[in-house]
Amino acid sequence: QVQLVESGVGLVQPGGSLRLSCAASGSTVSINGMGWYRQAPGKERDLVADITRGGTTNYGDSVKGRFIISRDNAKNTVFLQMNSLKSDGTAVYYCNARNLWSDKPNYWGKGILVTVSS
C-alpha cells in the first residue's frame, strides 16, 4: 500500500500563485506516475497534471502554460506550482499515484481545498 499526504496553503487571490506538495510513503517502489486531479463543487474529478518517474509530464488543457508539475524521486514527493490562478481553480486538489503496470491512479490522498478568491 501507498499513503499520500498533501500539503500547501489553500487560499489565494485571482492571478496569484500557489504551490502544493504531496509526499508518498509505503510501497513506493511500485509507483511510476504521480500527479494531481481536482474536483470543483458539482463537477467531475479532472486531471490537472501527471508526471512519470522518468519526468514525462501530461497536463489538463485548462492549466497548460500556467501550472508546472515536478517531482523529487529520492523523496517520493510531487509538486504542483500553480500560477495565474483563476476563480475556476477553486476545487479540492487530490494527489494520486499509479503503479508501474497501471494507466489509472491506484492511490489517492485525502485532498486539499484550494480557494481562489479576492
PDB file of N, CA and C in Angstrom:
ATOM      1  N   GLN A   1       0.824  -1.198   0.000  1.00  0.00           N
ATOM      2  CA  GLN A   1       0.000   0.000   0.000  1.00  0.00           C
ATOM      3  C   GLN A   1       0.863   1.254   0.000  1.00  0.00           C
ATOM      4  N   VAL A   2       0.275   2.320  -0.542  1.00  0.00           N
ATOM      5  CA  VAL A   2       0.947   3.614  -0.612  1.00  0.00           C
ATOM      6  C   VAL A   2       0.065   4.652   0.059  1.00  0.00           C
ATOM      7  N   GLN A   3       0.675   5.471   0.876  1.00  0.00           N
ATOM      8  CA  GLN A   3      -0.039   6.571   1.520  1.00  0.00           C
ATOM      9  C   GLN A   3       0.441   7.889   0.912  1.00  0.00           C
ATOM     10  N   LEU A   4      -0.511   8.788   0.686  1.00  0.00           N
ATOM     11  CA  LEU A   4      -0.209  10.087   0.088  1.00  0.00           C
ATOM     12  C   LEU A   4      -0.712  11.190   1.001  1.00  0.00           C
ATOM     13  N   VAL A   5       0.146  12.163   1.261  1.00  0.00           N
ATOM     14  CA  VAL A   5      -0.222  13.275   2.134  1.00  0.00           C
ATOM     15  C   VAL A   5       0.059  14.587   1.411  1.00  0.00           C
ATOM     16  N   GLU A   6      -1.003  15.357   1.194  1.00  0.00           N
ATOM     17  CA  GLU A   6      -0.876  16.647   0.508  1.00  0.00           C
ATOM     18  C   GLU A   6      -0.611  17.763   1.507  1.00  0.00           C
ATOM     19  N   SER A   7       0.056  18.812   1.034  1.00  0.00           N
ATOM     20  CA  SER A   7       0.257  19.996   1.858  1.00  0.00           C
ATOM     21  C   SER A   7       0.341  21.227   0.981  1.00  0.00           C
ATOM     22  N   GLY A   8       0.033  22.384   1.583  1.00  0.00           N
ATOM     23  CA  GLY A   8       0.076  23.645   0.853  1.00  0.00           C
ATOM     24  C   GLY A   8      -0.948  24.604   1.413  1.00  0.00           C
ATOM     25  N   VAL A   9      -0.718  25.880   1.178  1.00  0.00           N
ATOM     26  CA  VAL A   9      -1.664  26.905   1.626  1.00  0.00           C
ATOM     27  C   VAL A   9      -2.856  26.887   0.693  1.00  0.00           C
ATOM     28  N   GLY A  10      -4.074  27.056   1.229  1.00  0.00           N
ATOM     29  CA  GLY A  10      -5.268  26.836   0.444  1.00  0.00           C
ATOM     30  C   GLY A  10      -6.002  28.053  -0.064  1.00  0.00           C
ATOM     31  N   LEU A  11      -5.561  29.270   0.232  1.00  0.00           N
ATOM     32  CA  LEU A  11      -6.290  30.466  -0.176  1.00  0.00           C
ATOM     33  C   LEU A  11      -5.364  31.390  -0.958  1.00  0.00           C
ATOM     34  N   VAL A  12      -5.846  31.828  -2.118  1.00  0.00           N
ATOM     35  CA  VAL A  12      -5.036  32.714  -2.958  1.00  0.00           C
ATOM     36  C   VAL A  12      -5.960  33.627  -3.745  1.00  0.00           C
ATOM     37  N   GLN A  13      -5.471  34.808  -4.067  1.00  0.00           N
ATOM     38  CA  GLN A  13      -6.265  35.746  -4.859  1.00  0.00           C
ATOM     39  C   GLN A  13      -6.166  35.426  -6.343  1.00  0.00           C
ATOM     40  N   PRO A  14      -7.144  35.811  -7.129  1.00  0.00           N
ATOM     41  CA  PRO A  14      -7.055  35.601  -8.581  1.00  0.00           C
ATOM     42  C   PRO A  14      -5.786  36.234  -9.139  1.00  0.00           C
ATOM     43  N   GLY A  15      -5.132  35.501 -10.009  1.00  0.00           N
ATOM     44  CA  GLY A  15      -3.869  35.958 -10.581  1.00  0.00           C
ATOM     45  C   GLY A  15      -2.657  35.582  -9.764  1.00  0.00           C
ATOM     46  N   GLY A  16      -2.896  35.044  -8.580  1.00  0.00           N
ATOM     47  CA  GLY A  16      -1.796  34.680  -7.697  1.00  0.00           C
ATOM     48  C   GLY A  16      -1.245  33.299  -7.977  1.00  0.00           C
ATOM     49  N   SER A  17      -0.284  32.913  -7.140  1.00  0.00           N
ATOM     50  CA  SER A  17       0.387  31.618  -7.296  1.00  0.00           C
ATOM     51  C   SER A  17       0.294  30.825  -6.005  1.00  0.00           C
ATOM     52  N   LEU A  18       0.392  29.527  -6.169  1.00  0.00           N
ATOM     53  CA  LEU A  18       0.307  28.621  -5.031  1.00  0.00           C
ATOM     54  C   LEU A  18       1.072  27.359  -5.378  1.00  0.00           C
ATOM     55  N   ARG A  19       1.708  26.774  -4.364  1.00  0.00           N
ATOM     56  CA  ARG A  19       2.447  25.534  -4.577  1.00  0.00           C
ATOM     57  C   ARG A  19       1.927  24.455  -3.644  1.00  0.00           C
ATOM     58  N   LEU A  20       1.572  23.318  -4.239  1.00  0.00           N
ATOM     59  CA  LEU A  20       1.133  22.154  -3.479  1.00  0.00           C
ATOM     60  C   LEU A  20       2.216  21.084  -3.502  1.00  0.00           C
ATOM     61  N   SER A  21       2.286  20.324  -2.419  1.00  0.00           N
ATOM     62  CA  SER A  21       3.224  19.210  -2.331  1.00  0.00           C
ATOM     63  C   SER A  21       2.474  17.953  -1.936  1.00  0.00           C
ATOM     64  N   CYS A  22       3.025  16.826  -2.311  1.00  0.00           N
ATOM     65  CA  CYS A  22       2.439  15.543  -1.941  1.00  0.00           C
ATOM     66  C   CYS A  22       3.560  14.550  -1.729  1.00  0.00           C
ATOM     67  N   ALA A  23       3.599  13.987  -0.533  1.00  0.00           N
ATOM     68  CA  ALA A  23       4.634  13.015  -0.196  1.00  0.00           C
ATOM     69  C   ALA A  23       4.035  11.614  -0.131  1.00  0.00           C
ATOM     70  N   ALA A  24       4.698  10.689  -0.770  1.00  0.00           N
ATOM     71  CA  ALA A  24       4.264   9.288  -0.767  1.00  0.00           C
ATOM     72  C   ALA A  24       5.111   8.480   0.203  1.00  0.00           C
ATOM     73  N   SER A  25       4.471   7.516   0.848  1.00  0.00           N
ATOM     74  CA  SER A  25       5.179   6.607   1.746  1.00  0.00           C
ATOM     75  C   SER A  25       4.582   5.219   1.595  1.00  0.00           C
ATOM     76  N   GLY A  26       5.283   4.235   2.113  1.00  0.00           N
ATOM     77  CA  GLY A  26       4.819   2.860   1.991  1.00  0.00           C
ATOM     78  C   GLY A  26       5.548   2.147   0.862  1.00  0.00           C
ATOM     79  N   SER A  27       4.814   1.403   0.054  1.00  0.00           N
ATOM     80  CA  SER A  27       5.394   0.598  -1.030  1.00  0.00           C
ATOM     81  C   SER A  27       5.635   1.443  -2.275  1.00  0.00           C
ATOM     82  N   THR A  28       6.470   2.445  -2.143  1.00  0.00           N
ATOM     83  CA  THR A  28       6.676   3.409  -3.237  1.00  0.00           C
ATOM     84  C   THR A  28       7.499   2.845  -4.389  1.00  0.00           C
ATOM     85  N   VAL A  29       8.175   1.727  -4.187  1.00  0.00           N
ATOM     86  CA  VAL A  29       8.995   1.165  -5.257  1.00  0.00           C
ATOM     87  C   VAL A  29       8.139   0.768  -6.455  1.00  0.00           C
ATOM     88  N   SER A  30       6.852   0.512  -6.246  1.00  0.00           N
ATOM     89  CA  SER A  30       5.965   0.098  -7.336  1.00  0.00           C
ATOM     90  C   SER A  30       5.357   1.277  -8.088  1.00  0.00           C
ATOM     91  N   ILE A  31       5.625   2.477  -7.629  1.00  0.00           N
ATOM     92  CA  ILE A  31       4.989   3.662  -8.204  1.00  0.00           C
ATOM     93  C   ILE A  31       5.760   4.186  -9.409  1.00  0.00           C
ATOM     94  N   ASN A  32       5.005   4.512 -10.495  1.00  0.00           N
ATOM     95  CA  ASN A  32       5.591   5.195 -11.632  1.00  0.00           C
ATOM     96  C   ASN A  32       5.024   6.612 -11.697  1.00  0.00           C
ATOM     97  N   GLY A  33       3.780   6.759 -12.059  1.00  0.00           N
ATOM     98  CA  GLY A  33       3.191   8.081 -12.200  1.00  0.00           C
ATOM     99  C   GLY A  33       2.693   8.651 -10.885  1.00  0.00           C
ATOM    100  N   MET A  34       2.863   9.950 -10.735  1.00  0.00           N
ATOM    101  CA  MET A  34       2.262  10.700  -9.637  1.00  0.00           C
ATOM    102  C   MET A  34       1.686  11.979 -10.219  1.00  0.00           C
ATOM    103  N   GLY A  35       0.652  12.492  -9.571  1.00  0.00           N
ATOM    104  CA  GLY A  35       0.070  13.706 -10.124  1.00  0.00           C
ATOM    105  C   GLY A  35      -1.078  14.234  -9.305  1.00  0.00           C
ATOM    106  N   TRP A  36      -1.852  15.087  -9.966  1.00  0.00           N
ATOM    107  CA  TRP A  36      -2.945  15.788  -9.304  1.00  0.00           C
ATOM    108  C   TRP A  36      -4.204  15.770 -10.170  1.00  0.00           C
ATOM    109  N   TYR A  37      -5.319  15.566  -9.511  1.00  0.00           N
ATOM    110  CA  TYR A  37      -6.631  15.797 -10.073  1.00  0.00           C
ATOM    111  C   TYR A  37      -7.293  16.870  -9.210  1.00  0.00           C
ATOM    112  N   ARG A  38      -8.345  17.444  -9.734  1.00  0.00           N
ATOM    113  CA  ARG A  38      -9.117  18.393  -8.934  1.00  0.00           C
ATOM    114  C   ARG A  38     -10.602  18.206  -9.193  1.00  0.00           C
ATOM    115  N   GLN A  39     -11.378  18.551  -8.180  1.00  0.00           N
ATOM    116  CA  GLN A  39     -12.827  18.429  -8.289  1.00  0.00           C
ATOM    117  C   GLN A  39     -13.475  19.685  -7.738  1.00  0.00           C
ATOM    118  N   ALA A  40     -14.116  20.427  -8.612  1.00  0.00           N
ATOM    119  CA  ALA A  40     -14.846  21.620  -8.213  1.00  0.00           C
ATOM    120  C   ALA A  40     -16.249  21.229  -7.761  1.00  0.00           C
ATOM    121  N   PRO A  41     -16.910  22.069  -6.978  1.00  0.00           N
ATOM    122  CA  PRO A  41     -18.253  21.750  -6.500  1.00  0.00           C
ATOM    123  C   PRO A  41     -19.209  21.435  -7.652  1.00  0.00           C
ATOM    124  N   GLY A  42     -19.868  20.290  -7.582  1.00  0.00           N
ATOM    125  CA  GLY A  42     -20.841  19.903  -8.589  1.00  0.00           C
ATOM    126  C   GLY A  42     -20.261  19.410  -9.890  1.00  0.00           C
ATOM    127  N   LYS A  43     -18.943  19.218  -9.937  1.00  0.00           N
ATOM    128  CA  LYS A  43     -18.302  18.775 -11.176  1.00  0.00           C
ATOM    129  C   LYS A  43     -17.535  17.474 -10.961  1.00  0.00           C
ATOM    130  N   GLU A  44     -17.126  16.879 -12.078  1.00  0.00           N
ATOM    131  CA  GLU A  44     -16.364  15.644 -12.006  1.00  0.00           C
ATOM    132  C   GLU A  44     -14.908  15.930 -11.633  1.00  0.00           C
ATOM    133  N   ARG A  45     -14.222  14.885 -11.194  1.00  0.00           N
ATOM    134  CA  ARG A  45     -12.810  14.999 -10.881  1.00  0.00           C
ATOM    135  C   ARG A  45     -12.016  14.938 -12.186  1.00  0.00           C
ATOM    136  N   ASP A  46     -11.218  15.951 -12.453  1.00  0.00           N
ATOM    137  CA  ASP A  46     -10.489  16.055 -13.717  1.00  0.00           C
ATOM    138  C   ASP A  46      -8.983  16.076 -13.490  1.00  0.00           C
ATOM    139  N   LEU A  47      -8.263  15.614 -14.499  1.00  0.00           N
ATOM    140  CA  LEU A  47      -6.805  15.636 -14.457  1.00  0.00           C
ATOM    141  C   LEU A  47      -6.293  17.078 -14.457  1.00  0.00           C
ATOM    142  N   VAL A  48      -5.354  17.349 -13.545  1.00  0.00           N
ATOM    143  CA  VAL A  48      -4.625  18.616 -13.577  1.00  0.00           C
ATOM    144  C   VAL A  48      -3.274  18.390 -14.244  1.00  0.00           C
ATOM    145  N   ALA A  49      -2.489  17.477 -13.672  1.00  0.00           N
ATOM    146  CA  ALA A  49      -1.170  17.186 -14.227  1.00  0.00           C
ATOM    147  C   ALA A  49      -0.679  15.859 -13.679  1.00  0.00           C
ATOM    148  N   ASP A  50       0.213  15.254 -14.457  1.00  0.00           N
ATOM    149  CA  ASP A  50       0.764  13.950 -14.111  1.00  0.00           C
ATOM    150  C   ASP A  50       2.223  13.924 -14.537  1.00  0.00           C
ATOM    151  N   ILE A  51       3.055  13.199 -13.776  1.00  0.00           N
ATOM    152  CA  ILE A  51       4.469  13.081 -14.132  1.00  0.00           C
ATOM    153  C   ILE A  51       4.949  11.677 -13.823  1.00  0.00           C
ATOM    154  N   THR A  52       5.699  11.098 -14.748  1.00  0.00           N
ATOM    155  CA  THR A  52       6.237   9.775 -14.524  1.00  0.00           C
ATOM    156  C   THR A  52       7.557   9.842 -13.764  1.00  0.00           C
ATOM    157  N   ARG A  53       8.032   8.689 -13.347  1.00  0.00           N
ATOM    158  CA  ARG A  53       9.308   8.637 -12.642  1.00  0.00           C
ATOM    159  C   ARG A  53      10.433   9.164 -13.537  1.00  0.00           C
ATOM    160  N   GLY A  54      10.286   8.984 -14.843  1.00  0.00           N
ATOM    161  CA  GLY A  54      11.298   9.451 -15.776  1.00  0.00           C
ATOM    162  C   GLY A  54      11.174  10.913 -16.150  1.00  0.00           C
ATOM    163  N   GLY A  55      10.106  11.576 -15.674  1.00  0.00           N
ATOM    164  CA  GLY A  55       9.965  13.006 -15.911  1.00  0.00           C
ATOM    165  C   GLY A  55       9.018  13.396 -17.040  1.00  0.00           C
ATOM    166  N   THR A  56       8.349  12.443 -17.642  1.00  0.00           N
ATOM    167  CA  THR A  56       7.386  12.770 -18.694  1.00  0.00           C
ATOM    168  C   THR A  56       6.127  13.355 -18.061  1.00  0.00           C
ATOM    169  N   THR A  57       5.702  14.507 -18.567  1.00  0.00           N
ATOM    170  CA  THR A  57       4.569  15.215 -17.975  1.00  0.00           C
ATOM    171  C   THR A  57       3.354  15.227 -18.893  1.00  0.00           C
ATOM    172  N   ASN A  58       2.209  15.391 -18.287  1.00  0.00           N
ATOM    173  CA  ASN A  58       0.946  15.486 -19.009  1.00  0.00           C
ATOM    174  C   ASN A  58       0.067  16.465 -18.236  1.00  0.00           C
ATOM    175  N   TYR A  59      -0.541  17.426 -18.964  1.00  0.00           N
ATOM    176  CA  TYR A  59      -1.338  18.461 -18.314  1.00  0.00           C
ATOM    177  C   TYR A  59      -2.760  18.475 -18.870  1.00  0.00           C
ATOM    178  N   GLY A  60      -3.696  18.838 -18.004  1.00  0.00           N
ATOM    179  CA  GLY A  60      -5.039  19.098 -18.473  1.00  0.00           C
ATOM    180  C   GLY A  60      -5.045  20.366 -19.320  1.00  0.00           C
ATOM    181  N   ASP A  61      -5.933  20.433 -20.290  1.00  0.00           N
ATOM    182  CA  ASP A  61      -5.943  21.551 -21.230  1.00  0.00           C
ATOM    183  C   ASP A  61      -6.122  22.896 -20.523  1.00  0.00           C
ATOM    184  N   SER A  62      -6.892  22.924 -19.465  1.00  0.00           N
ATOM    185  CA  SER A  62      -7.216  24.201 -18.821  1.00  0.00           C
ATOM    186  C   SER A  62      -6.056  24.793 -18.027  1.00  0.00           C
ATOM    187  N   VAL A  63      -5.005  24.008 -17.788  1.00  0.00           N
ATOM    188  CA  VAL A  63      -3.894  24.513 -16.969  1.00  0.00           C
ATOM    189  C   VAL A  63      -2.587  24.610 -17.744  1.00  0.00           C
ATOM    190  N   LYS A  64      -2.575  24.182 -18.978  1.00  0.00           N
ATOM    191  CA  LYS A  64      -1.348  24.223 -19.777  1.00  0.00           C
ATOM    192  C   LYS A  64      -0.818  25.649 -19.885  1.00  0.00           C
ATOM    193  N   GLY A  65       0.467  25.791 -19.642  1.00  0.00           N
ATOM    194  CA  GLY A  65       1.103  27.095 -19.716  1.00  0.00           C
ATOM    195  C   GLY A  65       1.048  27.876 -18.410  1.00  0.00           C
ATOM    196  N   ARG A  66       0.251  27.407 -17.448  1.00  0.00           N
ATOM    197  CA  ARG A  66       0.145  28.119 -16.169  1.00  0.00           C
ATOM    198  C   ARG A  66       0.623  27.279 -14.985  1.00  0.00           C
ATOM    199  N   PHE A  67       0.429  25.989 -15.045  1.00  0.00           N
ATOM    200  CA  PHE A  67       0.820  25.101 -13.957  1.00  0.00           C
ATOM    201  C   PHE A  67       2.066  24.310 -14.357  1.00  0.00           C
ATOM    202  N   ILE A  68       2.879  23.997 -13.370  1.00  0.00           N
ATOM    203  CA  ILE A  68       4.078  23.191 -13.600  1.00  0.00           C
ATOM    204  C   ILE A  68       4.145  22.084 -12.556  1.00  0.00           C
ATOM    205  N   ILE A  69       4.270  20.857 -13.033  1.00  0.00           N
ATOM    206  CA  ILE A  69       4.421  19.727 -12.125  1.00  0.00           C
ATOM    207  C   ILE A  69       5.878  19.291 -12.127  1.00  0.00           C
ATOM    208  N   SER A  70       6.362  18.919 -10.956  1.00  0.00           N
ATOM    209  CA  SER A  70       7.735  18.426 -10.834  1.00  0.00           C
ATOM    210  C   SER A  70       7.762  17.346  -9.761  1.00  0.00           C
ATOM    211  N   ARG A  71       8.922  16.698  -9.673  1.00  0.00           N
ATOM    212  CA  ARG A  71       8.976  15.525  -8.797  1.00  0.00           C
ATOM    213  C   ARG A  71      10.379  15.325  -8.269  1.00  0.00           C
ATOM    214  N   ASP A  72      10.467  14.926  -7.021  1.00  0.00           N
ATOM    215  CA  ASP A  72      11.729  14.526  -6.399  1.00  0.00           C
ATOM    216  C   ASP A  72      11.626  13.034  -6.118  1.00  0.00           C
ATOM    217  N   ASN A  73      12.214  12.226  -6.978  1.00  0.00           N
ATOM    218  CA  ASN A  73      12.108  10.772  -6.835  1.00  0.00           C
ATOM    219  C   ASN A  73      12.759  10.267  -5.554  1.00  0.00           C
ATOM    220  N   ALA A  74      13.841  10.893  -5.153  1.00  0.00           N
ATOM    221  CA  ALA A  74      14.544  10.448  -3.941  1.00  0.00           C
ATOM    222  C   ALA A  74      13.679  10.620  -2.702  1.00  0.00           C
ATOM    223  N   LYS A  75      12.798  11.641  -2.719  1.00  0.00           N
ATOM    224  CA  LYS A  75      11.934  11.915  -1.584  1.00  0.00           C
ATOM    225  C   LYS A  75      10.498  11.463  -1.831  1.00  0.00           C
ATOM    226  N   ASN A  76      10.255  10.833  -2.985  1.00  0.00           N
ATOM    227  CA  ASN A  76       8.897  10.363  -3.330  1.00  0.00           C
ATOM    228  C   ASN A  76       7.864  11.471  -3.153  1.00  0.00           C
ATOM    229  N   THR A  77       8.215  12.632  -3.651  1.00  0.00           N
ATOM    230  CA  THR A  77       7.371  13.811  -3.492  1.00  0.00           C
ATOM    231  C   THR A  77       7.116  14.447  -4.846  1.00  0.00           C
ATOM    232  N   VAL A  78       5.870  14.867  -5.047  1.00  0.00           N
ATOM    233  CA  VAL A  78       5.486  15.568  -6.268  1.00  0.00           C
ATOM    234  C   VAL A  78       4.996  16.962  -5.886  1.00  0.00           C
ATOM    235  N   PHE A  79       5.300  17.922  -6.760  1.00  0.00           N
ATOM    236  CA  PHE A  79       4.947  19.312  -6.512  1.00  0.00           C
ATOM    237  C   PHE A  79       4.079  19.835  -7.657  1.00  0.00           C
ATOM    238  N   LEU A  80       3.197  20.759  -7.314  1.00  0.00           N
ATOM    239  CA  LEU A  80       2.391  21.421  -8.327  1.00  0.00           C
ATOM    240  C   LEU A  80       2.490  22.921  -8.101  1.00  0.00           C
ATOM    241  N   GLN A  81       3.167  23.597  -9.021  1.00  0.00           N
ATOM    242  CA  GLN A  81       3.267  25.047  -8.982  1.00  0.00           C
ATOM    243  C   GLN A  81       2.131  25.617  -9.828  1.00  0.00           C
ATOM    244  N   MET A  82       1.247  26.352  -9.205  1.00  0.00           N
ATOM    245  CA  MET A  82       0.086  26.902  -9.895  1.00  0.00           C
ATOM    246  C   MET A  82       0.234  28.415 -10.005  1.00  0.00           C
ATOM    247  N   ASN A  83       0.282  28.912 -11.217  1.00  0.00           N
ATOM    248  CA  ASN A  83       0.452  30.332 -11.485  1.00  0.00           C
ATOM    249  C   ASN A  83      -0.778  30.878 -12.203  1.00  0.00           C
ATOM    250  N   SER A  84      -0.946  32.195 -12.122  1.00  0.00           N
ATOM    251  CA  SER A  84      -2.063  32.867 -12.799  1.00  0.00           C
ATOM    252  C   SER A  84      -3.380  32.173 -12.495  1.00  0.00           C
ATOM    253  N   LEU A  85      -3.613  31.941 -11.229  1.00  0.00           N
ATOM    254  CA  LEU A  85      -4.818  31.209 -10.839  1.00  0.00           C
ATOM    255  C   LEU A  85      -6.075  32.015 -11.129  1.00  0.00           C
ATOM    256  N   LYS A  86      -7.091  31.295 -11.569  1.00  0.00           N
ATOM    257  CA  LYS A  86      -8.389  31.890 -11.871  1.00  0.00           C
ATOM    258  C   LYS A  86      -9.414  31.383 -10.860  1.00  0.00           C
ATOM    259  N   SER A  87     -10.571  32.018 -10.845  1.00  0.00           N
ATOM    260  CA  SER A  87     -11.605  31.608  -9.897  1.00  0.00           C
ATOM    261  C   SER A  87     -12.064  30.172 -10.131  1.00  0.00           C
ATOM    262  N   ASP A  88     -11.950  29.702 -11.377  1.00  0.00           N
ATOM    263  CA  ASP A  88     -12.355  28.312 -11.646  1.00  0.00           C
ATOM    264  C   ASP A  88     -11.337  27.312 -11.126  1.00  0.00           C
ATOM    265  N   GLY A  89     -10.259  27.827 -10.543  1.00  0.00           N
ATOM    266  CA  GLY A  89      -9.290  26.949  -9.901  1.00  0.00           C
ATOM    267  C   GLY A  89      -9.707  26.524  -8.514  1.00  0.00           C
ATOM    268  N   THR A  90     -10.805  27.099  -8.015  1.00  0.00           N
ATOM    269  CA  THR A  90     -11.330  26.702  -6.712  1.00  0.00           C
ATOM    270  C   THR A  90     -11.842  25.272  -6.786  1.00  0.00           C
ATOM    271  N   ALA A  91     -11.224  24.398  -5.993  1.00  0.00           N
ATOM    272  CA  ALA A  91     -11.553  22.979  -6.048  1.00  0.00           C
ATOM    273  C   ALA A  91     -10.792  22.254  -4.946  1.00  0.00           C
ATOM    274  N   VAL A  92     -11.163  21.015  -4.753  1.00  0.00           N
ATOM    275  CA  VAL A  92     -10.347  20.139  -3.911  1.00  0.00           C
ATOM    276  C   VAL A  92      -9.335  19.466  -4.823  1.00  0.00           C
ATOM    277  N   TYR A  93      -8.081  19.578  -4.475  1.00  0.00           N
ATOM    278  CA  TYR A  93      -6.998  19.008  -5.273  1.00  0.00           C
ATOM    279  C   TYR A  93      -6.545  17.697  -4.617  1.00  0.00           C
ATOM    280  N   TYR A  94      -6.563  16.653  -5.411  1.00  0.00           N
ATOM    281  CA  TYR A  94      -6.220  15.320  -4.907  1.00  0.00           C
ATOM    282  C   TYR A  94      -4.900  14.851  -5.530  1.00  0.00           C
ATOM    283  N   CYS A  95      -3.989  14.471  -4.675  1.00  0.00           N
ATOM    284  CA  CYS A  95      -2.764  13.824  -5.138  1.00  0.00           C
ATOM    285  C   CYS A  95      -3.083  12.369  -5.472  1.00  0.00           C
ATOM    286  N   ASN A  96      -2.420  11.840  -6.477  1.00  0.00           N
ATOM    287  CA  ASN A  96      -2.631  10.438  -6.807  1.00  0.00           C
ATOM    288  C   ASN A  96      -1.325   9.796  -7.228  1.00  0.00           C
ATOM    289  N   ALA A  97      -1.304   8.492  -7.193  1.00  0.00           N
ATOM    290  CA  ALA A  97      -0.140   7.729  -7.646  1.00  0.00           C
ATOM    291  C   ALA A  97      -0.632   6.479  -8.362  1.00  0.00           C
ATOM    292  N   ARG A  98       0.112   6.072  -9.376  1.00  0.00           N
ATOM    293  CA  ARG A  98      -0.276   4.849 -10.098  1.00  0.00           C
ATOM    294  C   ARG A  98       0.921   3.919 -10.212  1.00  0.00           C
ATOM    295  N   ASN A  99       0.610   2.638 -10.207  1.00  0.00           N
ATOM    296  CA  ASN A  99       1.636   1.608 -10.252  1.00  0.00           C
ATOM    297  C   ASN A  99       2.281   1.523 -11.637  1.00  0.00           C
ATOM    298  N   LEU A 100       3.402   0.867 -11.686  1.00  0.00           N
ATOM    299  CA  LEU A 100       4.158   0.695 -12.932  1.00  0.00           C
ATOM    300  C   LEU A 100       3.305   0.075 -14.032  1.00  0.00           C
ATOM    301  N   TRP A 101       2.384  -0.817 -13.651  1.00  0.00           N
ATOM    302  CA  TRP A 101       1.614  -1.588 -14.620  1.00  0.00           C
ATOM    303  C   TRP A 101       0.229  -0.991 -14.873  1.00  0.00           C
ATOM    304  N   SER A 102      -0.025   0.199 -14.352  1.00  0.00           N
ATOM    305  CA  SER A 102      -1.367   0.768 -14.421  1.00  0.00           C
ATOM    306  C   SER A 102      -1.370   2.072 -15.211  1.00  0.00           C
ATOM    307  N   ASP A 103      -2.472   2.329 -15.915  1.00  0.00           N
ATOM    308  CA  ASP A 103      -2.609   3.601 -16.619  1.00  0.00           C
ATOM    309  C   ASP A 103      -3.616   4.514 -15.936  1.00  0.00           C
ATOM    310  N   LYS A 104      -4.085   4.096 -14.762  1.00  0.00           N
ATOM    311  CA  LYS A 104      -5.012   4.917 -13.989  1.00  0.00           C
ATOM    312  C   LYS A 104      -4.533   4.982 -12.538  1.00  0.00           C
ATOM    313  N   PRO A 105      -4.924   6.044 -11.819  1.00  0.00           N
ATOM    314  CA  PRO A 105      -4.484   6.162 -10.421  1.00  0.00           C
ATOM    315  C   PRO A 105      -4.918   4.964  -9.578  1.00  0.00           C
ATOM    316  N   ASN A 106      -4.007   4.519  -8.731  1.00  0.00           N
ATOM    317  CA  ASN A 106      -4.298   3.425  -7.823  1.00  0.00           C
ATOM    318  C   ASN A 106      -4.457   3.908  -6.379  1.00  0.00           C
ATOM    319  N   TYR A 107      -3.858   5.044  -6.077  1.00  0.00           N
ATOM    320  CA  TYR A 107      -3.871   5.557  -4.717  1.00  0.00           C
ATOM    321  C   TYR A 107      -4.229   7.038  -4.744  1.00  0.00           C
ATOM    322  N   TRP A 108      -4.922   7.470  -3.688  1.00  0.00           N
ATOM    323  CA  TRP A 108      -5.368   8.858  -3.604  1.00  0.00           C
ATOM    324  C   TRP A 108      -5.049   9.442  -2.233  1.00  0.00           C
ATOM    325  N   GLY A 109      -4.714  10.721  -2.213  1.00  0.00           N
ATOM    326  CA  GLY A 109      -4.631  11.446  -0.968  1.00  0.00           C
ATOM    327  C   GLY A 109      -6.014  11.884  -0.538  1.00  0.00           C
ATOM    328  N   LYS A 110      -6.092  12.504   0.635  1.00  0.00           N
ATOM    329  CA  LYS A 110      -7.386  12.934   1.169  1.00  0.00           C
ATOM    330  C   LYS A 110      -7.897  14.197   0.494  1.00  0.00           C
ATOM    331  N   GLY A 111      -7.015  14.920  -0.165  1.00  0.00           N
ATOM    332  CA  GLY A 111      -7.402  16.142  -0.856  1.00  0.00           C
ATOM    333  C   GLY A 111      -7.125  17.389  -0.037  1.00  0.00           C
ATOM    334  N   ILE A 112      -6.900  18.487  -0.749  1.00  0.00           N
ATOM    335  CA  ILE A 112      -6.656  19.766  -0.107  1.00  0.00           C
ATOM    336  C   ILE A 112      -7.485  20.814  -0.834  1.00  0.00           C
ATOM    337  N   LEU A 113      -8.224  21.605  -0.072  1.00  0.00           N
ATOM    338  CA  LEU A 113      -9.083  22.615  -0.668  1.00  0.00           C
ATOM    339  C   LEU A 113      -8.265  23.840  -1.051  1.00  0.00           C
ATOM    340  N   VAL A 114      -8.385  24.232  -2.298  1.00  0.00           N
ATOM    341  CA  VAL A 114      -7.778  25.466  -2.786  1.00  0.00           C
ATOM    342  C   VAL A 114      -8.906  26.425  -3.153  1.00  0.00           C
ATOM    343  N   THR A 115      -8.862  27.606  -2.587  1.00  0.00           N
ATOM    344  CA  THR A 115      -9.872  28.619  -2.868  1.00  0.00           C
ATOM    345  C   THR A 115      -9.210  29.811  -3.534  1.00  0.00           C
ATOM    346  N   VAL A 116      -9.712  30.167  -4.706  1.00  0.00           N
ATOM    347  CA  VAL A 116      -9.208  31.334  -5.436  1.00  0.00           C
ATOM    348  C   VAL A 116     -10.270  32.413  -5.320  1.00  0.00           C
ATOM    349  N   SER A 117      -9.967  33.410  -4.522  1.00  0.00           N
ATOM    350  CA  SER A 117     -10.972  34.432  -4.248  1.00  0.00           C
ATOM    351  C   SER A 117     -10.307  35.718  -3.780  1.00  0.00           C
ATOM    352  N   SER A 118     -10.938  36.830  -4.126  1.00  0.00           N
ATOM    353  CA  SER A 118     -10.433  38.117  -3.659  1.00  0.00           C
ATOM    354  C   SER A 118     -11.097  38.512  -2.348  1.00  0.00           C
TER     355      SER A 118
END
